[in-house]
Amino acid sequence: MAQPKRKHSKARRNSRRANYGLTAPTLATCPRCHQLMKPHHVCPTCGHYDGKEIVEIKEI
């Protein structure tokens, strides 16, 4: 197997790993119940999407 001729520096290694960080999920506000939800998804609180009821949510 091929081996590197020279050692890579710590700066080079850390620069490569600079993009490994996590990002917070993007959230939108539901226009019906004003709860946070994923954009372009059915609202998990009220079950509506694009002004229509898609999923019936039952209260426990």
PDB file of N, CA and C in Angstrom:
ATOM      1  N   MET A   1       0.836  -1.186   0.000  1.00  0.00           N
ATOM      2  CA  MET A   1       0.000   0.000   0.000  1.00  0.00           C
ATOM      3  C   MET A   1       0.877   1.243   0.000  1.00  0.00           C
ATOM      4  N   ALA A   2       0.477   2.254  -0.697  1.00  0.00           N
ATOM      5  CA  ALA A   2       1.267   3.482  -0.802  1.00  0.00           C
ATOM      6  C   ALA A   2       1.312   4.221   0.526  1.00  0.00           C
ATOM      7  N   GLN A   3       2.455   4.791   0.837  1.00  0.00           N
ATOM      8  CA  GLN A   3       2.655   5.551   2.071  1.00  0.00           C
ATOM      9  C   GLN A   3       3.013   6.986   1.719  1.00  0.00           C
ATOM     10  N   PRO A   4       2.614   7.960   2.555  1.00  0.00           N
ATOM     11  CA  PRO A   4       2.982   9.351   2.275  1.00  0.00           C
ATOM     12  C   PRO A   4       4.483   9.559   2.437  1.00  0.00           C
ATOM     13  N   LYS A   5       5.034  10.368   1.561  1.00  0.00           N
ATOM     14  CA  LYS A   5       6.480  10.628   1.613  1.00  0.00           C
ATOM     15  C   LYS A   5       6.829  11.565   2.768  1.00  0.00           C
ATOM     16  N   ARG A   6       5.930  12.508   3.076  1.00  0.00           N
ATOM     17  CA  ARG A   6       6.159  13.459   4.163  1.00  0.00           C
ATOM     18  C   ARG A   6       4.948  13.468   5.092  1.00  0.00           C
ATOM     19  N   LYS A   7       5.159  13.816   6.337  1.00  0.00           N
ATOM     20  CA  LYS A   7       4.083  13.901   7.326  1.00  0.00           C
ATOM     21  C   LYS A   7       3.229  15.132   7.043  1.00  0.00           C
ATOM     22  N   HIS A   8       1.896  14.957   7.098  1.00  0.00           N
ATOM     23  CA  HIS A   8       0.998  16.106   6.958  1.00  0.00           C
ATOM     24  C   HIS A   8       0.975  16.858   8.280  1.00  0.00           C
ATOM     25  N   SER A   9       0.971  18.162   8.200  1.00  0.00           N
ATOM     26  CA  SER A   9       0.989  18.985   9.409  1.00  0.00           C
ATOM     27  C   SER A   9      -0.360  18.943  10.127  1.00  0.00           C
ATOM     28  N   LYS A  10      -0.337  19.346  11.399  1.00  0.00           N
ATOM     29  CA  LYS A  10      -1.574  19.405  12.189  1.00  0.00           C
ATOM     30  C   LYS A  10      -2.531  20.445  11.611  1.00  0.00           C
ATOM     31  N   ALA A  11      -2.007  21.539  11.074  1.00  0.00           N
ATOM     32  CA  ALA A  11      -2.853  22.573  10.483  1.00  0.00           C
ATOM     33  C   ALA A  11      -3.589  22.030   9.253  1.00  0.00           C
ATOM     34  N   ARG A  12      -2.894  21.238   8.472  1.00  0.00           N
ATOM     35  CA  ARG A  12      -3.519  20.661   7.285  1.00  0.00           C
ATOM     36  C   ARG A  12      -4.612  19.663   7.694  1.00  0.00           C
ATOM     37  N   ARG A  13      -4.327  18.857   8.703  1.00  0.00           N
ATOM     38  CA  ARG A  13      -5.308  17.899   9.212  1.00  0.00           C
ATOM     39  C   ARG A  13      -6.526  18.626   9.786  1.00  0.00           C
ATOM     40  N   ASN A  14      -6.288  19.663  10.592  1.00  0.00           N
ATOM     41  CA  ASN A  14      -7.386  20.395  11.222  1.00  0.00           C
ATOM     42  C   ASN A  14      -8.199  21.181  10.200  1.00  0.00           C
ATOM     43  N   SER A  15      -7.574  21.667   9.149  1.00  0.00           N
ATOM     44  CA  SER A  15      -8.305  22.378   8.098  1.00  0.00           C
ATOM     45  C   SER A  15      -9.268  21.437   7.392  1.00  0.00           C
ATOM     46  N   ARG A  16      -8.864  20.202   7.211  1.00  0.00           N
ATOM     47  CA  ARG A  16      -9.731  19.216   6.575  1.00  0.00           C
ATOM     48  C   ARG A  16     -10.921  18.890   7.479  1.00  0.00           C
ATOM     49  N   ARG A  17     -10.703  18.854   8.779  1.00  0.00           N
ATOM     50  CA  ARG A  17     -11.758  18.510   9.729  1.00  0.00           C
ATOM     51  C   ARG A  17     -12.635  19.703  10.106  1.00  0.00           C
ATOM     52  N   ALA A  18     -12.371  20.866   9.559  1.00  0.00           N
ATOM     53  CA  ALA A  18     -13.111  22.072   9.921  1.00  0.00           C
ATOM     54  C   ALA A  18     -14.574  21.986   9.487  1.00  0.00           C
ATOM     55  N   ASN A  19     -14.899  21.143   8.503  1.00  0.00           N
ATOM     56  CA  ASN A  19     -16.269  21.045   7.989  1.00  0.00           C
ATOM     57  C   ASN A  19     -17.062  19.919   8.644  1.00  0.00           C
ATOM     58  N   TYR A  20     -16.535  19.300   9.686  1.00  0.00           N
ATOM     59  CA  TYR A  20     -17.202  18.173  10.322  1.00  0.00           C
ATOM     60  C   TYR A  20     -18.287  18.595  11.303  1.00  0.00           C
ATOM     61  N   GLY A  21     -18.373  19.875  11.632  1.00  0.00           N
ATOM     62  CA  GLY A  21     -19.284  20.333  12.672  1.00  0.00           C
ATOM     63  C   GLY A  21     -20.748  20.155  12.310  1.00  0.00           C
ATOM     64  N   LEU A  22     -21.589  20.013  13.325  1.00  0.00           N
ATOM     65  CA  LEU A  22     -23.024  19.875  13.116  1.00  0.00           C
ATOM     66  C   LEU A  22     -23.684  21.247  13.011  1.00  0.00           C
ATOM     67  N   THR A  23     -24.779  21.307  12.286  1.00  0.00           N
ATOM     68  CA  THR A  23     -25.549  22.543  12.182  1.00  0.00           C
ATOM     69  C   THR A  23     -26.935  22.305  12.773  1.00  0.00           C
ATOM     70  N   ALA A  24     -27.512  23.333  13.315  1.00  0.00           N
ATOM     71  CA  ALA A  24     -28.852  23.230  13.895  1.00  0.00           C
ATOM     72  C   ALA A  24     -29.873  23.050  12.767  1.00  0.00           C
ATOM     73  N   PRO A  25     -30.929  22.265  12.992  1.00  0.00           N
ATOM     74  CA  PRO A  25     -31.926  22.063  11.937  1.00  0.00           C
ATOM     75  C   PRO A  25     -32.688  23.350  11.650  1.00  0.00           C
ATOM     76  N   THR A  26     -33.053  23.530  10.396  1.00  0.00           N
ATOM     77  CA  THR A  26     -33.843  24.684   9.992  1.00  0.00           C
ATOM     78  C   THR A  26     -35.289  24.452  10.401  1.00  0.00           C
ATOM     79  N   LEU A  27     -35.878  25.437  11.048  1.00  0.00           N
ATOM     80  CA  LEU A  27     -37.259  25.306  11.502  1.00  0.00           C
ATOM     81  C   LEU A  27     -38.095  26.462  10.979  1.00  0.00           C
ATOM     82  N   ALA A  28     -39.339  26.183  10.679  1.00  0.00           N
ATOM     83  CA  ALA A  28     -40.300  27.193  10.237  1.00  0.00           C
ATOM     84  C   ALA A  28     -41.456  27.209  11.231  1.00  0.00           C
ATOM     85  N   THR A  29     -42.278  28.240  11.163  1.00  0.00           N
ATOM     86  CA  THR A  29     -43.434  28.355  12.041  1.00  0.00           C
ATOM     87  C   THR A  29     -44.681  27.922  11.280  1.00  0.00           C
ATOM     88  N   CYS A  30     -45.473  27.070  11.902  1.00  0.00           N
ATOM     89  CA  CYS A  30     -46.726  26.620  11.295  1.00  0.00           C
ATOM     90  C   CYS A  30     -47.690  27.799  11.245  1.00  0.00           C
ATOM     91  N   PRO A  31     -48.279  28.094  10.082  1.00  0.00           N
ATOM     92  CA  PRO A  31     -49.200  29.236   9.998  1.00  0.00           C
ATOM     93  C   PRO A  31     -50.517  29.005  10.735  1.00  0.00           C
ATOM     94  N   ARG A  32     -50.854  27.750  11.041  1.00  0.00           N
ATOM     95  CA  ARG A  32     -52.123  27.465  11.706  1.00  0.00           C
ATOM     96  C   ARG A  32     -51.987  27.464  13.227  1.00  0.00           C
ATOM     97  N   CYS A  33     -51.003  26.712  13.767  1.00  0.00           N
ATOM     98  CA  CYS A  33     -50.894  26.585  15.221  1.00  0.00           C
ATOM     99  C   CYS A  33     -49.683  27.325  15.790  1.00  0.00           C
ATOM    100  N   HIS A  34     -48.849  27.896  14.932  1.00  0.00           N
ATOM    101  CA  HIS A  34     -47.692  28.713  15.317  1.00  0.00           C
ATOM    102  C   HIS A  34     -46.651  27.937  16.119  1.00  0.00           C
ATOM    103  N   GLN A  35     -46.545  26.636  15.882  1.00  0.00           N
ATOM    104  CA  GLN A  35     -45.509  25.817  16.500  1.00  0.00           C
ATOM    105  C   GLN A  35     -44.366  25.635  15.501  1.00  0.00           C
ATOM    106  N   LEU A  36     -43.175  25.326  16.014  1.00  0.00           N
ATOM    107  CA  LEU A  36     -42.041  25.095  15.133  1.00  0.00           C
ATOM    108  C   LEU A  36     -42.182  23.744  14.445  1.00  0.00           C
ATOM    109  N   MET A  37     -41.808  23.717  13.166  1.00  0.00           N
ATOM    110  CA  MET A  37     -41.882  22.496  12.372  1.00  0.00           C
ATOM    111  C   MET A  37     -40.811  22.551  11.298  1.00  0.00           C
ATOM    112  N   LYS A  38     -40.531  21.425  10.666  1.00  0.00           N
ATOM    113  CA  LYS A  38     -39.596  21.400   9.546  1.00  0.00           C
ATOM    114  C   LYS A  38     -40.266  22.030   8.338  1.00  0.00           C
ATOM    115  N   PRO A  39     -39.541  22.834   7.570  1.00  0.00           N
ATOM    116  CA  PRO A  39     -40.152  23.409   6.377  1.00  0.00           C
ATOM    117  C   PRO A  39     -40.506  22.323   5.351  1.00  0.00           C
ATOM    118  N   HIS A  40     -41.608  22.497   4.671  1.00  0.00           N
ATOM    119  CA  HIS A  40     -42.107  21.587   3.633  1.00  0.00           C
ATOM    120  C   HIS A  40     -42.450  20.211   4.196  1.00  0.00           C
ATOM    121  N   HIS A  41     -42.849  20.151   5.480  1.00  0.00           N
ATOM    122  CA  HIS A  41     -43.293  18.915   6.107  1.00  0.00           C
ATOM    123  C   HIS A  41     -44.657  19.160   6.760  1.00  0.00           C
ATOM    124  N   VAL A  42     -45.377  18.084   7.018  1.00  0.00           N
ATOM    125  CA  VAL A  42     -46.644  18.181   7.746  1.00  0.00           C
ATOM    126  C   VAL A  42     -46.325  18.582   9.176  1.00  0.00           C
ATOM    127  N   CYS A  43     -47.118  19.492   9.732  1.00  0.00           N
ATOM    128  CA  CYS A  43     -46.911  19.946  11.103  1.00  0.00           C
ATOM    129  C   CYS A  43     -47.193  18.784  12.059  1.00  0.00           C
ATOM    130  N   PRO A  44     -46.246  18.427  12.943  1.00  0.00           N
ATOM    131  CA  PRO A  44     -46.497  17.315  13.860  1.00  0.00           C
ATOM    132  C   PRO A  44     -47.502  17.649  14.955  1.00  0.00           C
ATOM    133  N   THR A  45     -47.778  18.931  15.188  1.00  0.00           N
ATOM    134  CA  THR A  45     -48.707  19.331  16.244  1.00  0.00           C
ATOM    135  C   THR A  45     -50.159  19.305  15.781  1.00  0.00           C
ATOM    136  N   CYS A  46     -50.424  19.904  14.610  1.00  0.00           N
ATOM    137  CA  CYS A  46     -51.818  20.001  14.154  1.00  0.00           C
ATOM    138  C   CYS A  46     -52.123  19.117  12.939  1.00  0.00           C
ATOM    139  N   GLY A  47     -51.106  18.603  12.235  1.00  0.00           N
ATOM    140  CA  GLY A  47     -51.337  17.704  11.106  1.00  0.00           C
ATOM    141  C   GLY A  47     -51.728  18.385   9.818  1.00  0.00           C
ATOM    142  N   HIS A  48     -51.518  19.694   9.712  1.00  0.00           N
ATOM    143  CA  HIS A  48     -51.881  20.426   8.500  1.00  0.00           C
ATOM    144  C   HIS A  48     -50.651  20.694   7.639  1.00  0.00           C
ATOM    145  N   TYR A  49     -50.883  20.812   6.332  1.00  0.00           N
ATOM    146  CA  TYR A  49     -49.850  21.204   5.384  1.00  0.00           C
ATOM    147  C   TYR A  49     -50.534  21.948   4.247  1.00  0.00           C
ATOM    148  N   ASP A  50     -50.041  23.115   3.924  1.00  0.00           N
ATOM    149  CA  ASP A  50     -50.550  23.927   2.822  1.00  0.00           C
ATOM    150  C   ASP A  50     -52.035  24.227   2.993  1.00  0.00           C
ATOM    151  N   GLY A  51     -52.460  24.455   4.234  1.00  0.00           N
ATOM    152  CA  GLY A  51     -53.831  24.828   4.515  1.00  0.00           C
ATOM    153  C   GLY A  51     -54.822  23.678   4.542  1.00  0.00           C
ATOM    154  N   LYS A  52     -54.343  22.439   4.387  1.00  0.00           N
ATOM    155  CA  LYS A  52     -55.235  21.283   4.391  1.00  0.00           C
ATOM    156  C   LYS A  52     -54.826  20.325   5.508  1.00  0.00           C
ATOM    157  N   GLU A  53     -55.816  19.639   6.076  1.00  0.00           N
ATOM    158  CA  GLU A  53     -55.512  18.629   7.093  1.00  0.00           C
ATOM    159  C   GLU A  53     -55.053  17.359   6.387  1.00  0.00           C
ATOM    160  N   ILE A  54     -53.831  16.970   6.617  1.00  0.00           N
ATOM    161  CA  ILE A  54     -53.258  15.797   5.971  1.00  0.00           C
ATOM    162  C   ILE A  54     -53.315  14.595   6.923  1.00  0.00           C
ATOM    163  N   VAL A  55     -52.968  14.837   8.187  1.00  0.00           N
ATOM    164  CA  VAL A  55     -52.935  13.775   9.188  1.00  0.00           C
ATOM    165  C   VAL A  55     -53.834  14.176  10.324  1.00  0.00           C
ATOM    166  N   GLU A  56     -54.675  13.252  10.772  1.00  0.00           N
ATOM    167  CA  GLU A  56     -55.540  13.541  11.920  1.00  0.00           C
ATOM    168  C   GLU A  56     -54.745  13.257  13.198  1.00  0.00           C
ATOM    169  N   ILE A  57     -54.567  14.280  14.024  1.00  0.00           N
ATOM    170  CA  ILE A  57     -53.840  14.159  15.278  1.00  0.00           C
ATOM    171  C   ILE A  57     -54.849  13.944  16.399  1.00  0.00           C
ATOM    172  N   LYS A  58     -54.671  12.859  17.143  1.00  0.00           N
ATOM    173  CA  LYS A  58     -55.589  12.559  18.239  1.00  0.00           C
ATOM    174  C   LYS A  58     -54.960  12.993  19.546  1.00  0.00           C
ATOM    175  N   GLU A  59     -55.760  13.631  20.390  1.00  0.00           N
ATOM    176  CA  GLU A  59     -55.331  14.050  21.729  1.00  0.00           C
ATOM    177  C   GLU A  59     -55.335  12.836  22.641  1.00  0.00           C
ATOM    178  N   ILE A  60     -54.331  12.742  23.491  1.00  0.00           N
ATOM    179  CA  ILE A  60     -54.256  11.617  24.433  1.00  0.00           C
ATOM    180  C   ILE A  60     -54.789  12.052  25.781  1.00  0.00           C
TER     181      ILE A  60
END
